Amino acid sequence: MLALGTLTIAMAACPAVLNTSMAGEAASVDPAVAQEVRAAIKQLDSEDFATRSKAADQLTRRVSEPALAEFLSEEFARTLLASETSFEVRSQLESLARPLKPAAPSTDEPRPRAADLGPLLDQLNSNTSSQRDSARRRIQSMLSDVELIAPVYVELKRRVASRQLAAEGRYALEPLLDQARRAWLAAGPARVQLPEVTNDQITAWVDDLTKLDDAEPAERTRREAADRELLDAICRDEVRPRVLEILAQRIAAAPDAASSTTLQNLADFARPAMAAEVWSNRINGTVQYLLIGVPQFNERSPRPTHFDRIDDQTAHCVSGASLNEGDYPVRIAVPHPIPQEVMFHLTNLPTPRLRLRYQYDVERDDATRLRELSQRTVDYYLAQKRPLDEGQVLVLSQLDPQVVSRFVGPYFQGVPNQRLFSTASELGRLPTLHAAICYPLTRFGTREAVPALEQLARCGRLGEQTSENPFQIAWIAALSIAQRDPWPEVDTWLASLLDETTPLAVSIDPRPVLGATAAAVLLDRHGASMQSFGLEMTAEANFGASRFIGYRYVSDKDRQDIRRWWENFKKAKAAEPAP
């Protein structure tokens, strides 16, 4: 059989039953389905364990239905906002809502007002967890209203900076403060007007930043507040010149190097910059902030990292610890110059507001950011309509598997196959571009890639199998996906290949055959013995971290026996009572 990479089981989504004759998103859901969902949500709080378990199972199945996503998100959000919702129900719904897109503000709920903020913030101190959670969610919902962002942010800053605030109170408020700041940055300081800032305030903040001691908790809180206020002021076009003027005066008069460095770093925040991320194994391991036009030295590197210009399309590297001199695309995956499983991601940060927004953005989970980066990268490759080089092919193995699997079909159709110059041993046995792109799919490809792989295998564009081109890599990748990420019709697809005589490798003796290897996967999926049907395992072939094991039929009778087993298996499944 095939043993390639890590096995991943993905559940198939079931279509939701819709009533398209009714208007409105919520009304478009079949009333019976809507009633079932609402009843199941209530049953999550049942005193009977079996009832709670059944309700949770019902909702879990419904969450897998794409057509119900918006309705479910709205229903979950409405329940979570209610202060009477119990902790147990909140825990269940938060888990169920995690894969769903956050719901838009409900038009059924009364519009929040600035006057509601104080009581809601006080409610965060409630002894009841459901009251605290409801208040937190209502404050978060206020941030979707541009008119309320400023009062929410200003009041949160005031309370967090208070010397009377206990540690547990600060623990509850700081995440909300960060969310309010993100909302302010996303909306833009021009749309969300914060209070005027005086020179005396700026001077007092600078004093707190340079004179207070981090070792004292109360002073550390004031220093953090001062740093936040100064960065916010630098992000405001109308305030920035005054902040930078005061900083320049204080830097010139700084009594010690530490104070000077602290203030200079703050002043540098206003300069055009960029971020250089290093990704490996789908994890962002390093973020380096670089000022444009300023070489940055690292004692571990023989060369400084220096970019002299960047815009939203291209960055020019003068020298780098890893990257060579030249132009690099911005906001897509950049291969390491020496082929390896490392990639870079460059982001233009021309203004302090964008830099501060980026610092919050980079805190999001790596999986979400990788999906976005992957989609931008493959969109760029498709728009370029150019052959990928060796480094770009290897980058595919670092990107989101599902995004890459959806990309390969359009790319195979839009860019002709050709020879690939490779210095990497793992691509050395795959001499053409399309064959090399199939290679990472053997390890992590998902079901979305299978139609494109089968079409590529059957159209003949991969060329004749020879000693230089020994593998039917498209079929090998498709079969590995069938084992690792099976789809609902995978058994029927495997059975359709049972009579195929295409050799999967001509460098292995005896040669593995497509039909026999598909039969091995099919039998293994249902716990049937391959040896009892006469399938013979051929020698193995390694693809870097992947391992391919093919099969052949010993005789034609073995193939016929498997075909009869499959027909009997289908009949037995059809006779089983419906669940």
Protein backbone atom coordinates (compact mmCIF):
# COMPACT_ATOMS: atom_id res chain seq x y z
CA MET A 1 0.00 0.00 0.00
CA LEU A 2 1.01 3.66 0.20
CA ALA A 3 2.66 5.17 3.23
CA LEU A 4 3.27 8.84 2.53
CA GLY A 5 3.41 11.57 5.16
CA THR A 6 1.05 12.06 8.05
CA LEU A 7 -2.46 10.70 7.79
CA THR A 8 -5.17 13.36 7.99
CA ILE A 9 -8.85 12.46 8.23
CA ALA A 10 -11.26 15.17 7.03
CA MET A 11 -15.01 14.96 7.44
CA ALA A 12 -17.18 15.60 4.42
CA ALA A 13 -19.64 18.46 4.62
CA CYS A 14 -23.30 17.59 4.21
CA PRO A 15 -25.53 19.99 2.30
CA ALA A 16 -28.02 21.98 4.34
CA VAL A 17 -31.69 22.00 3.45
CA LEU A 18 -32.63 25.52 2.36
CA ASN A 19 -35.91 27.27 1.74
CA THR A 20 -34.97 29.75 -0.99
CA SER A 21 -38.45 31.19 -1.27
CA MET A 22 -38.05 33.08 2.02
CA ALA A 23 -36.22 36.40 2.18
CA GLY A 24 -33.30 37.21 4.46
CA GLU A 25 -30.26 35.13 5.42
CA ALA A 26 -31.81 33.63 8.55
CA ALA A 27 -35.13 33.10 6.76
CA SER A 28 -33.36 31.22 3.95
CA VAL A 29 -32.69 28.36 6.35
CA ASP A 30 -35.35 25.68 6.37
CA PRO A 31 -37.62 26.50 9.37
CA ALA A 32 -37.41 22.90 10.57
CA VAL A 33 -33.62 23.10 10.57
CA ALA A 34 -33.68 26.45 12.38
CA GLN A 35 -36.05 25.05 14.99
CA GLU A 36 -33.84 21.98 15.46
CA VAL A 37 -30.75 24.16 15.96
CA ARG A 38 -32.42 26.44 18.51
CA ALA A 39 -33.83 23.46 20.39
CA ALA A 40 -30.40 21.79 20.45
CA ILE A 41 -28.81 24.95 21.86
CA LYS A 42 -31.34 24.94 24.71
CA GLN A 43 -30.77 21.23 25.29
CA LEU A 44 -27.06 21.85 25.87
CA ASP A 45 -28.15 23.00 29.33
CA SER A 46 -30.28 19.93 30.06
CA GLU A 47 -29.78 18.11 33.35
CA ASP A 48 -29.84 14.82 31.41
CA PHE A 49 -26.41 13.80 30.08
CA ALA A 50 -27.81 11.85 27.12
CA THR A 51 -29.87 14.87 26.03
CA ARG A 52 -26.86 17.17 26.26
CA SER A 53 -24.68 14.74 24.29
CA LYS A 54 -27.29 14.30 21.56
CA ALA A 55 -27.70 18.08 21.25
CA ALA A 56 -23.92 18.59 21.01
CA ASP A 57 -23.70 15.91 18.29
CA GLN A 58 -26.54 17.55 16.33
CA LEU A 59 -24.86 20.95 16.43
CA THR A 60 -21.46 19.48 15.52
CA ARG A 61 -22.98 17.93 12.39
CA ARG A 62 -24.68 21.18 11.47
CA VAL A 63 -21.44 23.17 11.86
CA SER A 64 -19.95 21.08 9.03
CA GLU A 65 -22.65 22.36 6.63
CA PRO A 66 -21.30 25.44 4.80
CA ALA A 67 -24.78 26.71 3.91
CA LEU A 68 -25.66 26.99 7.61
CA ALA A 69 -22.46 28.79 8.69
CA GLU A 70 -23.87 32.32 8.87
CA PHE A 71 -27.10 31.25 10.56
CA LEU A 72 -25.24 29.19 13.15
CA SER A 73 -22.76 31.99 13.81
CA GLU A 74 -25.65 34.40 14.47
CA GLU A 75 -27.49 31.96 16.74
CA PHE A 76 -24.36 31.13 18.73
CA ALA A 77 -23.45 34.82 19.09
CA ARG A 78 -26.96 35.71 20.26
CA THR A 79 -26.86 33.00 22.91
CA LEU A 80 -23.36 33.93 24.06
CA LEU A 81 -24.39 37.58 24.48
CA ALA A 82 -27.21 36.63 26.84
CA SER A 83 -26.11 37.03 30.46
CA GLU A 84 -28.28 34.10 31.57
CA THR A 85 -26.39 31.60 29.37
CA SER A 86 -24.63 29.11 31.63
CA PHE A 87 -20.90 28.45 31.70
CA GLU A 88 -21.38 24.91 30.31
CA VAL A 89 -23.36 26.15 27.31
CA ARG A 90 -20.86 28.95 26.69
CA SER A 91 -18.02 26.44 26.67
CA GLN A 92 -19.79 24.23 24.13
CA LEU A 93 -20.83 27.10 21.85
CA GLU A 94 -17.41 28.76 21.89
CA SER A 95 -15.88 25.49 20.70
CA LEU A 96 -18.54 25.03 18.03
CA ALA A 97 -18.25 28.64 16.84
CA ARG A 98 -14.46 28.55 16.47
CA PRO A 99 -14.38 27.42 12.79
CA LEU A 100 -17.21 29.79 11.82
CA LYS A 101 -16.84 33.33 10.55
CA PRO A 102 -17.81 35.80 13.31
CA ALA A 103 -21.40 36.95 13.03
CA ALA A 104 -22.27 40.46 11.91
CA PRO A 105 -23.99 42.65 14.53
CA SER A 106 -27.59 41.54 14.91
CA THR A 107 -30.27 43.96 13.73
CA ASP A 108 -32.64 42.40 16.28
CA GLU A 109 -30.55 43.59 19.23
CA PRO A 110 -30.84 47.22 20.44
CA ARG A 111 -27.98 49.41 19.17
CA PRO A 112 -25.32 49.79 21.88
CA ARG A 113 -24.74 53.27 23.31
CA ALA A 114 -21.76 54.95 24.90
CA ALA A 115 -23.81 55.23 28.10
CA ASP A 116 -23.85 51.41 28.32
CA LEU A 117 -20.07 51.21 28.60
CA GLY A 118 -19.60 52.06 32.28
CA PRO A 119 -22.13 49.53 33.59
CA LEU A 120 -20.72 46.86 31.28
CA LEU A 121 -17.16 47.49 32.47
CA ASP A 122 -18.39 47.31 36.06
CA GLN A 123 -20.11 44.02 35.20
CA LEU A 124 -16.70 42.53 34.40
CA ASN A 125 -16.23 42.38 38.18
CA SER A 126 -19.34 40.26 38.67
CA ASN A 127 -19.05 37.11 40.77
CA THR A 128 -20.92 35.22 38.03
CA SER A 129 -18.88 33.99 35.07
CA SER A 130 -21.85 34.21 32.69
CA GLN A 131 -22.35 37.88 33.64
CA ARG A 132 -18.68 38.64 33.07
CA ASP A 133 -18.62 36.82 29.73
CA SER A 134 -21.81 38.53 28.54
CA ALA A 135 -20.37 41.95 29.44
CA ARG A 136 -17.11 41.19 27.64
CA ARG A 137 -18.95 40.17 24.48
CA ARG A 138 -21.18 43.24 24.56
CA ILE A 139 -18.16 45.52 24.89
CA GLN A 140 -16.55 43.72 21.94
CA SER A 141 -19.73 44.21 19.90
CA MET A 142 -19.53 47.97 20.57
CA LEU A 143 -16.23 48.05 18.67
CA SER A 144 -18.08 47.20 15.45
CA ASP A 145 -19.64 50.70 15.63
CA VAL A 146 -17.11 53.31 14.46
CA GLU A 147 -18.78 55.99 16.59
CA LEU A 148 -18.19 53.96 19.77
CA ILE A 149 -14.55 52.96 19.21
CA ALA A 150 -13.11 56.20 20.64
CA PRO A 151 -15.18 56.28 23.87
CA VAL A 152 -14.53 52.58 24.46
CA TYR A 153 -10.79 52.91 23.85
CA VAL A 154 -10.39 56.09 25.92
CA GLU A 155 -12.28 54.65 28.90
CA LEU A 156 -10.36 51.38 28.77
CA LYS A 157 -7.06 53.25 28.70
CA ARG A 158 -8.17 55.33 31.68
CA ARG A 159 -9.16 52.30 33.73
CA VAL A 160 -6.08 50.22 32.88
CA ALA A 161 -3.80 53.11 33.84
CA SER A 162 -5.55 53.62 37.18
CA ARG A 163 -3.33 53.02 40.20
CA GLN A 164 -6.33 51.65 42.09
CA LEU A 165 -6.93 48.83 39.60
CA ALA A 166 -6.15 45.40 41.06
CA ALA A 167 -4.15 42.82 39.12
CA GLU A 168 -7.20 40.68 38.36
CA GLY A 169 -9.05 43.72 37.03
CA ARG A 170 -6.15 44.57 34.74
CA TYR A 171 -6.10 40.95 33.56
CA ALA A 172 -9.75 41.30 32.49
CA LEU A 173 -9.38 44.71 30.84
CA GLU A 174 -6.10 44.40 28.91
CA PRO A 175 -7.41 42.01 26.21
CA LEU A 176 -10.32 44.40 25.61
CA LEU A 177 -7.89 47.32 25.49
CA ASP A 178 -5.88 45.56 22.78
CA GLN A 179 -9.04 44.86 20.80
CA ALA A 180 -10.13 48.49 21.07
CA ARG A 181 -6.72 49.65 19.90
CA ARG A 182 -6.87 47.29 16.93
CA ALA A 183 -10.32 48.64 16.06
CA TRP A 184 -8.98 52.22 16.23
CA LEU A 185 -6.02 51.38 14.00
CA ALA A 186 -8.17 49.45 11.51
CA ALA A 187 -10.75 52.23 11.20
CA GLY A 188 -8.03 54.85 10.90
CA PRO A 189 -7.24 57.72 13.27
CA ALA A 190 -8.97 60.12 10.87
CA ARG A 191 -12.30 58.30 11.26
CA VAL A 192 -11.99 57.72 15.01
CA GLN A 193 -11.01 60.94 16.72
CA LEU A 194 -9.26 60.59 20.06
CA PRO A 195 -9.04 63.51 22.51
CA GLU A 196 -6.60 66.35 21.86
CA VAL A 197 -3.06 65.85 23.15
CA THR A 198 -1.14 68.72 24.75
CA ASN A 199 2.63 69.22 24.88
CA ASP A 200 2.46 68.93 28.67
CA GLN A 201 0.89 65.47 28.33
CA ILE A 202 3.57 64.39 25.86
CA THR A 203 6.30 65.61 28.20
CA ALA A 204 4.74 63.80 31.17
CA TRP A 205 4.56 60.56 29.19
CA VAL A 206 8.21 60.89 28.17
CA ASP A 207 9.13 61.42 31.82
CA ASP A 208 7.22 58.30 32.87
CA LEU A 209 8.85 56.28 30.11
CA THR A 210 12.41 57.24 31.05
CA LYS A 211 12.28 57.78 34.82
CA LEU A 212 10.06 55.05 36.22
CA ASP A 213 11.37 51.67 37.34
CA ASP A 214 10.06 48.49 35.69
CA ALA A 215 10.86 46.55 38.85
CA GLU A 216 8.03 48.30 40.74
CA PRO A 217 4.61 47.01 39.57
CA ALA A 218 2.88 50.38 39.95
CA GLU A 219 5.63 52.20 38.06
CA ARG A 220 5.72 49.50 35.39
CA THR A 221 2.00 50.04 34.80
CA ARG A 222 2.55 53.79 34.36
CA ARG A 223 5.48 53.17 31.98
CA GLU A 224 3.35 50.83 29.86
CA ALA A 225 0.57 53.41 29.75
CA ALA A 226 3.05 56.12 28.73
CA ASP A 227 4.51 53.95 25.99
CA ARG A 228 1.01 53.19 24.67
CA GLU A 229 0.01 56.87 24.68
CA LEU A 230 3.19 57.98 22.91
CA LEU A 231 2.85 55.32 20.20
CA ASP A 232 -0.78 56.30 19.69
CA ALA A 233 0.24 59.94 19.39
CA ILE A 234 2.94 59.08 16.84
CA CYS A 235 0.28 57.28 14.79
CA ARG A 236 -1.79 60.48 14.60
CA ASP A 237 -0.68 62.73 11.74
CA GLU A 238 -1.72 65.93 13.52
CA VAL A 239 0.18 65.07 16.73
CA ARG A 240 3.28 63.29 15.39
CA PRO A 241 5.41 66.41 14.61
CA ARG A 242 5.08 67.69 18.18
CA VAL A 243 5.93 64.28 19.64
CA LEU A 244 9.03 63.94 17.46
CA GLU A 245 10.17 67.48 18.32
CA ILE A 246 9.93 66.80 22.06
CA LEU A 247 11.64 63.41 21.62
CA ALA A 248 14.52 65.03 19.71
CA GLN A 249 15.02 67.58 22.48
CA ARG A 250 15.00 64.91 25.17
CA ILE A 251 17.34 62.59 23.23
CA ALA A 252 19.86 65.42 22.93
CA ALA A 253 19.65 66.03 26.67
CA ALA A 254 19.37 62.38 27.78
CA PRO A 255 21.37 61.76 30.96
CA ASP A 256 22.30 58.17 30.07
CA ALA A 257 22.56 55.79 27.13
CA ALA A 258 19.56 53.70 28.23
CA SER A 259 17.19 56.69 28.20
CA SER A 260 18.58 57.85 24.86
CA THR A 261 18.09 54.40 23.31
CA THR A 262 14.53 54.13 24.65
CA LEU A 263 13.56 57.50 23.19
CA GLN A 264 15.40 56.90 19.91
CA ASN A 265 13.56 53.61 19.39
CA LEU A 266 10.31 55.46 19.91
CA ALA A 267 11.30 58.17 17.43
CA ASP A 268 12.38 55.51 14.90
CA PHE A 269 8.85 54.09 15.04
CA ALA A 270 7.80 57.05 12.89
CA ARG A 271 10.28 56.21 10.10
CA PRO A 272 9.43 54.07 7.03
CA ALA A 273 10.12 50.44 7.89
CA MET A 274 9.48 46.87 6.87
CA ALA A 275 9.07 43.49 8.53
CA ALA A 276 10.98 40.39 7.43
CA GLU A 277 9.50 37.11 8.68
CA VAL A 278 11.26 33.75 8.60
CA TRP A 279 8.95 30.72 8.26
CA SER A 280 9.94 27.08 8.67
CA ASN A 281 7.74 24.00 9.00
CA ARG A 282 4.70 26.29 8.56
CA ILE A 283 5.63 28.27 11.68
CA ASN A 284 6.69 31.89 11.79
CA GLY A 285 9.82 31.69 13.89
CA THR A 286 11.29 35.19 13.55
CA VAL A 287 10.12 38.73 12.80
CA GLN A 288 12.83 41.31 12.11
CA TYR A 289 11.89 45.01 11.88
CA LEU A 290 14.11 46.99 9.54
CA LEU A 291 14.30 50.73 8.90
CA ILE A 292 14.43 51.45 5.19
CA GLY A 293 17.83 52.74 4.14
CA VAL A 294 19.51 51.79 7.44
CA PRO A 295 21.87 48.76 7.54
CA GLN A 296 21.20 46.53 10.52
CA PHE A 297 24.17 44.60 11.87
CA ASN A 298 24.05 41.21 13.53
CA GLU A 299 27.15 39.81 15.20
CA ARG A 300 26.27 36.32 13.91
CA SER A 301 26.13 37.46 10.28
CA PRO A 302 29.09 38.54 8.16
CA ARG A 303 26.88 41.01 6.22
CA PRO A 304 24.39 43.63 7.42
CA THR A 305 20.74 43.35 6.49
CA HIS A 306 19.96 46.39 4.36
CA PHE A 307 16.93 47.24 2.22
CA ASP A 308 17.11 50.65 0.59
CA ARG A 309 13.57 50.81 -0.85
CA ILE A 310 10.23 49.04 -0.63
CA ASP A 311 6.66 49.58 -1.82
CA ASP A 312 3.60 47.36 -1.83
CA GLN A 313 4.95 45.24 -4.71
CA THR A 314 8.74 45.04 -4.46
CA ALA A 315 11.55 45.35 -1.93
CA HIS A 316 15.17 45.90 -2.95
CA CYS A 317 17.82 44.17 -0.86
CA VAL A 318 21.29 45.72 -0.84
CA SER A 319 22.66 42.96 1.38
CA GLY A 320 21.31 40.39 3.76
CA ALA A 321 22.20 37.64 6.20
CA SER A 322 20.31 35.14 4.00
CA LEU A 323 18.89 36.94 0.98
CA ASN A 324 21.12 37.98 -1.90
CA GLU A 325 21.14 41.43 -3.47
CA GLY A 326 18.17 42.06 -5.72
CA ASP A 327 14.43 42.71 -5.91
CA TYR A 328 11.95 40.55 -3.99
CA PRO A 329 8.15 40.47 -4.09
CA VAL A 330 6.29 41.83 -1.07
CA ARG A 331 3.56 39.98 0.89
CA ILE A 332 4.15 36.60 -0.79
CA ALA A 333 6.39 33.67 0.10
CA VAL A 334 10.04 34.21 -0.86
CA PRO A 335 12.22 31.08 -1.19
CA HIS A 336 15.54 30.78 0.58
CA PRO A 337 18.37 31.28 -1.95
CA ILE A 338 19.78 27.88 -0.96
CA PRO A 339 16.97 25.34 -1.58
CA GLN A 340 15.64 24.30 1.81
CA GLU A 341 12.37 24.25 3.74
CA VAL A 342 12.62 27.88 4.81
CA MET A 343 10.82 30.87 3.35
CA PHE A 344 10.66 34.61 3.95
CA HIS A 345 7.76 37.06 3.99
CA LEU A 346 8.35 40.80 3.53
CA THR A 347 5.83 43.47 4.52
CA ASN A 348 5.93 47.19 3.73
CA LEU A 349 5.34 49.39 6.80
CA PRO A 350 5.61 52.96 5.50
CA THR A 351 3.69 54.61 8.37
CA PRO A 352 3.69 54.15 12.15
CA ARG A 353 -0.01 53.26 12.07
CA LEU A 354 0.62 50.40 9.64
CA ARG A 355 3.57 49.23 11.71
CA LEU A 356 1.49 49.17 14.88
CA ARG A 357 -1.35 47.36 13.07
CA TYR A 358 1.15 44.81 11.78
CA GLN A 359 2.43 44.12 15.31
CA TYR A 360 -1.09 43.09 16.29
CA ASP A 361 -1.67 41.18 13.06
CA VAL A 362 1.44 39.07 13.51
CA GLU A 363 0.11 37.90 16.89
CA ARG A 364 -2.70 35.98 15.17
CA ASP A 365 -2.31 32.22 14.95
CA ASP A 366 0.20 31.00 12.40
CA ALA A 367 -2.30 28.70 10.64
CA THR A 368 -4.62 31.58 9.74
CA ARG A 369 -1.78 33.83 8.62
CA LEU A 370 -0.24 30.99 6.60
CA ARG A 371 -3.52 30.43 4.72
CA GLU A 372 -3.63 34.11 3.79
CA LEU A 373 0.05 34.17 2.80
CA SER A 374 -0.41 30.97 0.79
CA GLN A 375 -3.41 32.34 -1.10
CA ARG A 376 -1.57 35.55 -2.00
CA THR A 377 1.43 33.52 -3.16
CA VAL A 378 -0.44 31.13 -5.45
CA ASP A 379 -2.53 34.02 -6.81
CA TYR A 380 0.75 35.76 -7.66
CA TYR A 381 2.08 32.63 -9.41
CA LEU A 382 -1.10 32.30 -11.46
CA ALA A 383 -1.12 35.98 -12.41
CA GLN A 384 2.53 35.78 -13.50
CA LYS A 385 1.83 32.76 -15.77
CA ARG A 386 5.51 31.89 -15.61
CA PRO A 387 7.28 28.60 -14.89
CA LEU A 388 8.20 28.20 -11.23
CA ASP A 389 11.86 27.79 -10.41
CA GLU A 390 13.24 25.17 -8.05
CA GLY A 391 12.97 27.40 -4.98
CA GLN A 392 9.34 28.29 -5.71
CA VAL A 393 8.44 24.62 -6.14
CA LEU A 394 10.02 23.83 -2.78
CA VAL A 395 8.14 26.75 -1.20
CA LEU A 396 4.87 24.96 -2.06
CA SER A 397 5.70 22.40 0.62
CA GLN A 398 5.79 25.23 3.19
CA LEU A 399 2.39 26.67 2.28
CA ASP A 400 -1.11 25.71 3.38
CA PRO A 401 -1.85 22.24 1.91
CA GLN A 402 -5.43 22.96 0.91
CA VAL A 403 -4.56 26.25 -0.79
CA VAL A 404 -1.78 24.58 -2.78
CA SER A 405 -4.04 21.64 -3.70
CA ARG A 406 -6.61 24.03 -5.17
CA PHE A 407 -3.88 25.91 -7.04
CA VAL A 408 -2.28 23.06 -8.99
CA GLY A 409 -5.17 22.49 -11.42
CA PRO A 410 -5.30 26.06 -12.77
CA TYR A 411 -1.51 26.19 -12.83
CA PHE A 412 -1.16 22.95 -14.83
CA GLN A 413 -3.70 24.34 -17.31
CA GLY A 414 -2.18 27.80 -17.56
CA VAL A 415 1.58 27.13 -17.63
CA PRO A 416 3.07 24.55 -20.05
CA ASN A 417 5.28 21.79 -18.71
CA GLN A 418 9.03 22.06 -19.31
CA ARG A 419 12.38 20.92 -18.02
CA LEU A 420 13.23 21.96 -14.45
CA PHE A 421 16.80 22.71 -13.49
CA SER A 422 17.24 21.28 -10.02
CA THR A 423 20.11 21.35 -7.56
CA ALA A 424 18.06 19.69 -4.81
CA SER A 425 18.40 15.92 -4.59
CA GLU A 426 14.76 15.46 -3.63
CA LEU A 427 13.63 16.90 -6.98
CA GLY A 428 16.45 15.32 -8.95
CA ARG A 429 14.38 12.32 -10.12
CA LEU A 430 11.54 14.57 -11.31
CA PRO A 431 12.99 16.37 -14.32
CA THR A 432 9.96 18.42 -15.38
CA LEU A 433 8.15 21.32 -13.72
CA HIS A 434 4.73 19.65 -13.42
CA ALA A 435 6.24 16.45 -12.05
CA ALA A 436 8.19 18.47 -9.45
CA ILE A 437 5.00 20.25 -8.35
CA CYS A 438 3.40 16.83 -7.78
CA TYR A 439 6.22 15.90 -5.41
CA PRO A 440 5.11 17.95 -2.36
CA LEU A 441 1.54 16.75 -2.94
CA THR A 442 2.66 13.19 -2.17
CA ARG A 443 3.36 14.38 1.37
CA PHE A 444 0.61 16.89 2.16
CA GLY A 445 -1.78 17.24 -0.78
CA THR A 446 -5.51 17.24 -0.04
CA ARG A 447 -8.51 15.87 -1.91
CA GLU A 448 -8.95 19.10 -3.90
CA ALA A 449 -5.85 18.22 -5.95
CA VAL A 450 -6.97 14.76 -7.11
CA PRO A 451 -8.95 15.76 -10.27
CA ALA A 452 -6.01 17.85 -11.51
CA LEU A 453 -3.54 15.06 -10.74
CA GLU A 454 -5.60 12.46 -12.59
CA GLN A 455 -6.00 14.75 -15.59
CA LEU A 456 -2.25 15.43 -15.61
CA ALA A 457 -1.49 11.71 -15.39
CA ARG A 458 -3.82 10.84 -18.28
CA CYS A 459 -2.99 13.68 -20.68
CA GLY A 460 0.60 12.58 -21.27
CA ARG A 461 2.22 15.94 -20.48
CA LEU A 462 4.56 14.31 -17.96
CA GLY A 463 6.30 12.52 -20.79
CA GLU A 464 7.35 8.93 -21.36
CA GLN A 465 8.68 7.00 -18.40
CA THR A 466 12.44 6.47 -18.72
CA SER A 467 15.39 5.95 -16.41
CA GLU A 468 15.59 9.76 -16.10
CA ASN A 469 11.83 10.07 -15.57
CA PRO A 470 10.96 6.80 -13.81
CA PHE A 471 7.88 7.69 -11.73
CA GLN A 472 4.24 8.30 -12.54
CA ILE A 473 4.35 10.94 -9.84
CA ALA A 474 0.85 12.33 -10.53
CA TRP A 475 -0.76 8.94 -9.88
CA ILE A 476 1.45 8.36 -6.84
CA ALA A 477 0.37 11.72 -5.38
CA ALA A 478 -3.31 11.03 -6.11
CA LEU A 479 -3.16 7.60 -4.43
CA SER A 480 -1.36 8.99 -1.39
CA ILE A 481 -4.10 11.61 -1.00
CA ALA A 482 -6.77 8.91 -1.31
CA GLN A 483 -5.22 7.22 1.68
CA ARG A 484 -4.46 10.33 3.72
CA ASP A 485 -7.48 12.55 2.96
CA PRO A 486 -10.29 10.32 1.64
CA TRP A 487 -13.41 11.94 0.22
CA PRO A 488 -16.95 10.44 0.21
CA GLU A 489 -16.61 8.83 -3.22
CA VAL A 490 -13.03 7.65 -2.78
CA ASP A 491 -13.94 3.93 -2.81
CA THR A 492 -15.73 4.27 -6.13
CA TRP A 493 -12.77 6.17 -7.54
CA LEU A 494 -10.29 3.53 -6.39
CA ALA A 495 -12.48 0.75 -7.80
CA SER A 496 -12.55 2.53 -11.18
CA LEU A 497 -8.76 2.12 -11.36
CA LEU A 498 -8.60 -1.64 -10.66
CA ASP A 499 -8.05 -2.56 -14.34
CA GLU A 500 -5.39 0.10 -15.01
CA THR A 501 -2.06 -1.40 -16.14
CA THR A 502 0.07 1.77 -16.04
CA PRO A 503 3.37 1.15 -14.22
CA LEU A 504 3.90 3.60 -11.38
CA ALA A 505 7.69 3.25 -11.60
CA VAL A 506 9.91 1.75 -14.28
CA SER A 507 13.01 1.77 -12.07
CA ILE A 508 11.59 -0.85 -9.68
CA ASP A 509 11.53 -4.57 -10.45
CA PRO A 510 8.93 -5.98 -10.38
CA ARG A 511 7.12 -2.84 -11.42
CA PRO A 512 4.28 -1.50 -9.26
CA VAL A 513 1.04 -1.15 -11.23
CA LEU A 514 -1.64 1.52 -10.84
CA GLY A 515 -4.60 -0.87 -10.68
CA ALA A 516 -3.01 -3.20 -8.12
CA THR A 517 -1.86 -0.31 -5.91
CA ALA A 518 -5.35 1.23 -6.02
CA ALA A 519 -6.71 -2.20 -5.02
CA ALA A 520 -4.32 -2.31 -2.06
CA VAL A 521 -5.52 1.09 -0.83
CA LEU A 522 -9.16 0.04 -1.28
CA LEU A 523 -8.71 -3.22 0.61
CA ASP A 524 -6.74 -1.58 3.37
CA ARG A 525 -9.45 1.04 3.87
CA HIS A 526 -11.88 -1.74 4.80
CA GLY A 527 -9.53 -3.98 6.75
CA ALA A 528 -9.32 -6.69 4.07
CA SER A 529 -6.14 -8.75 3.70
CA MET A 530 -4.08 -7.88 0.63
CA GLN A 531 -2.16 -11.16 0.81
CA SER A 532 -5.36 -13.22 0.66
CA PHE A 533 -6.15 -11.59 -2.70
CA GLY A 534 -2.71 -12.28 -4.13
CA LEU A 535 -1.37 -8.74 -4.22
CA GLU A 536 2.40 -8.63 -4.20
CA MET A 537 4.28 -5.70 -2.70
CA THR A 538 7.06 -4.37 -4.91
CA ALA A 539 10.25 -2.67 -3.75
CA GLU A 540 9.97 0.70 -2.04
CA ALA A 541 10.91 4.11 -3.41
CA ASN A 542 11.74 7.07 -1.20
CA PHE A 543 10.77 10.68 -1.93
CA GLY A 544 12.66 12.58 0.73
CA ALA A 545 10.45 12.37 3.81
CA SER A 546 7.87 10.31 1.90
CA ARG A 547 7.85 6.61 1.16
CA PHE A 548 6.02 4.95 -1.71
CA ILE A 549 5.13 1.24 -1.67
CA GLY A 550 3.48 -0.11 -4.80
CA TYR A 551 1.76 -3.40 -5.61
CA ARG A 552 1.17 -5.68 -8.59
CA TYR A 553 -1.28 -8.46 -9.34
CA VAL A 554 0.35 -11.90 -9.33
CA SER A 555 -2.27 -13.10 -11.85
CA ASP A 556 -5.34 -11.83 -13.63
CA LYS A 557 -7.44 -14.02 -11.35
CA ASP A 558 -6.39 -11.85 -8.39
CA ARG A 559 -7.74 -8.76 -10.10
CA GLN A 560 -11.03 -10.53 -10.87
CA ASP A 561 -11.30 -11.74 -7.25
CA ILE A 562 -10.89 -8.19 -5.98
CA ARG A 563 -13.48 -6.98 -8.45
CA ARG A 564 -15.97 -9.59 -7.15
CA TRP A 565 -15.15 -8.66 -3.56
CA TRP A 566 -15.90 -5.03 -4.33
CA GLU A 567 -19.27 -5.83 -5.93
CA ASN A 568 -20.26 -7.97 -2.94
CA PHE A 569 -19.05 -5.27 -0.56
CA LYS A 570 -21.23 -2.66 -2.27
CA LYS A 571 -24.29 -4.90 -2.08
CA ALA A 572 -23.71 -5.58 1.61
CA LYS A 573 -23.38 -1.86 2.34
CA ALA A 574 -26.53 -1.08 0.39
CA ALA A 575 -28.46 -3.69 2.41
CA GLU A 576 -27.46 -2.17 5.75
CA PRO A 577 -30.28 -0.31 7.53
CA ALA A 578 -30.06 3.47 7.46
CA PRO A 579 -28.66 5.03 10.66
